[in-house]
Protein backbone atom coordinates (compact mmCIF):
# COMPACT_ATOMS: atom_id res chain seq x y z
CA MET A 1 164.46 100.59 92.36
CA THR A 2 164.00 96.81 92.58
CA ASP A 3 166.77 94.93 94.30
CA ALA A 4 168.43 93.15 91.32
CA VAL A 5 169.94 90.31 93.39
CA SER A 6 166.59 89.54 95.08
CA PHE A 7 164.75 89.79 91.67
CA TYR A 8 167.41 87.38 90.01
CA ARG A 9 167.12 84.80 92.82
CA LEU A 10 163.35 84.97 92.88
CA TYR A 11 163.08 84.95 89.05
CA VAL A 12 165.43 81.79 88.67
CA SER A 13 163.84 80.01 91.55
CA THR A 14 160.39 80.60 90.09
CA ILE A 15 161.50 79.29 86.63
CA ASN A 16 162.86 76.17 88.36
CA GLN A 17 159.58 75.54 90.15
CA PHE A 18 157.68 76.15 86.83
CA ILE A 19 159.81 73.54 85.05
CA ASN A 20 159.43 71.07 87.91
CA THR A 21 155.60 71.54 87.82
CA LEU A 22 155.46 71.14 84.18
CA GLU A 23 157.48 67.82 84.34
CA ASP A 24 155.34 66.65 87.22
CA LEU A 25 152.20 67.38 85.04
CA ARG A 26 153.73 65.53 82.08
CA LEU A 27 154.02 62.47 84.34
CA GLN A 28 150.55 62.74 85.68
CA ASN A 29 149.21 63.26 82.07
CA ASP A 30 151.08 60.13 81.02
CA ARG A 31 149.37 58.14 83.85
CA LEU A 32 146.04 59.52 82.51
CA ALA A 33 146.81 58.41 78.97
CA SER A 34 148.05 54.96 80.07
CA GLU A 35 145.21 54.23 82.44
CA PRO A 36 141.91 54.55 80.73
CA GLY A 37 139.65 54.53 83.86
CA LEU A 38 141.80 56.86 85.89
CA ALA A 39 139.97 60.05 84.96
CA ALA A 40 136.63 58.57 85.92
CA ALA A 41 138.15 57.24 89.13
CA ALA A 42 139.73 60.64 89.85
CA ALA A 43 136.42 62.38 89.28
CA ALA A 44 134.69 60.03 91.56
CA ALA A 45 137.43 60.62 94.28
CA ALA A 46 136.87 64.37 93.71
CA VAL A 47 133.15 64.08 94.32
CA ASN A 48 133.71 62.05 97.41
CA SER A 49 136.00 64.75 98.60
CA GLY A 50 133.24 67.42 98.08
CA ARG A 51 134.18 68.59 94.65
CA SER A 52 130.98 67.67 92.69
CA ASP A 53 131.97 70.07 90.04
CA LEU A 54 134.89 67.88 88.85
CA SER A 55 133.58 65.33 86.36
CA THR A 56 135.57 62.84 84.20
CA GLN A 57 135.11 65.47 81.35
CA ALA A 58 136.94 67.99 83.53
CA PHE A 59 139.84 65.81 84.03
CA THR A 60 139.85 65.07 80.22
CA ASN A 61 139.68 68.89 79.40
CA ALA A 62 142.60 69.51 81.84
CA GLN A 63 144.66 66.84 80.27
CA GLY A 64 144.09 68.32 76.82
CA ALA A 65 145.12 71.72 78.10
CA ILE A 66 148.23 70.39 79.71
CA VAL A 67 149.06 68.69 76.40
CA GLN A 68 148.88 72.01 74.58
CA ILE A 69 151.00 73.67 77.29
CA LEU A 70 153.56 70.99 76.99
CA PHE A 71 153.55 71.21 73.19
CA THR A 72 154.43 74.93 73.47
CA PHE A 73 157.03 74.25 76.05
CA ASP A 74 158.71 71.70 73.98
CA SER A 75 158.42 73.50 70.56
CA GLY A 76 160.67 75.94 68.78
CA ALA A 77 164.13 75.73 67.23
CA PRO A 78 165.69 76.08 69.88
CA THR A 79 162.86 74.91 72.07
CA GLN A 80 161.11 77.24 74.43
CA LYS A 81 162.27 75.08 77.41
CA SER A 82 165.87 75.51 76.38
CA TYR A 83 165.51 79.22 77.08
CA LEU A 84 164.35 78.52 80.58
CA PHE A 85 166.90 75.71 81.23
CA LYS A 86 169.47 78.21 80.53
CA MET A 87 168.45 80.23 83.38
CA LEU A 88 169.15 77.30 85.89
């Protein structure tokens, strides 16, 4: 049987990391939204770093995906995030 104490600690720690990562992504997405040329500049930086597969459109697509994830995280009554915050 799984050690419940270890599972609890890891589960709560992972939820905490997940929430922190989502909030970091929210901030990065806000930067993309407020700086019109940032996606193109990031794509150029990616190409210069050897990631020629990352275009401006790739950053735009990722931004849209993150918006949808955050919408789900923030939605509901009570919100989905409230269930996760309860665990912290």
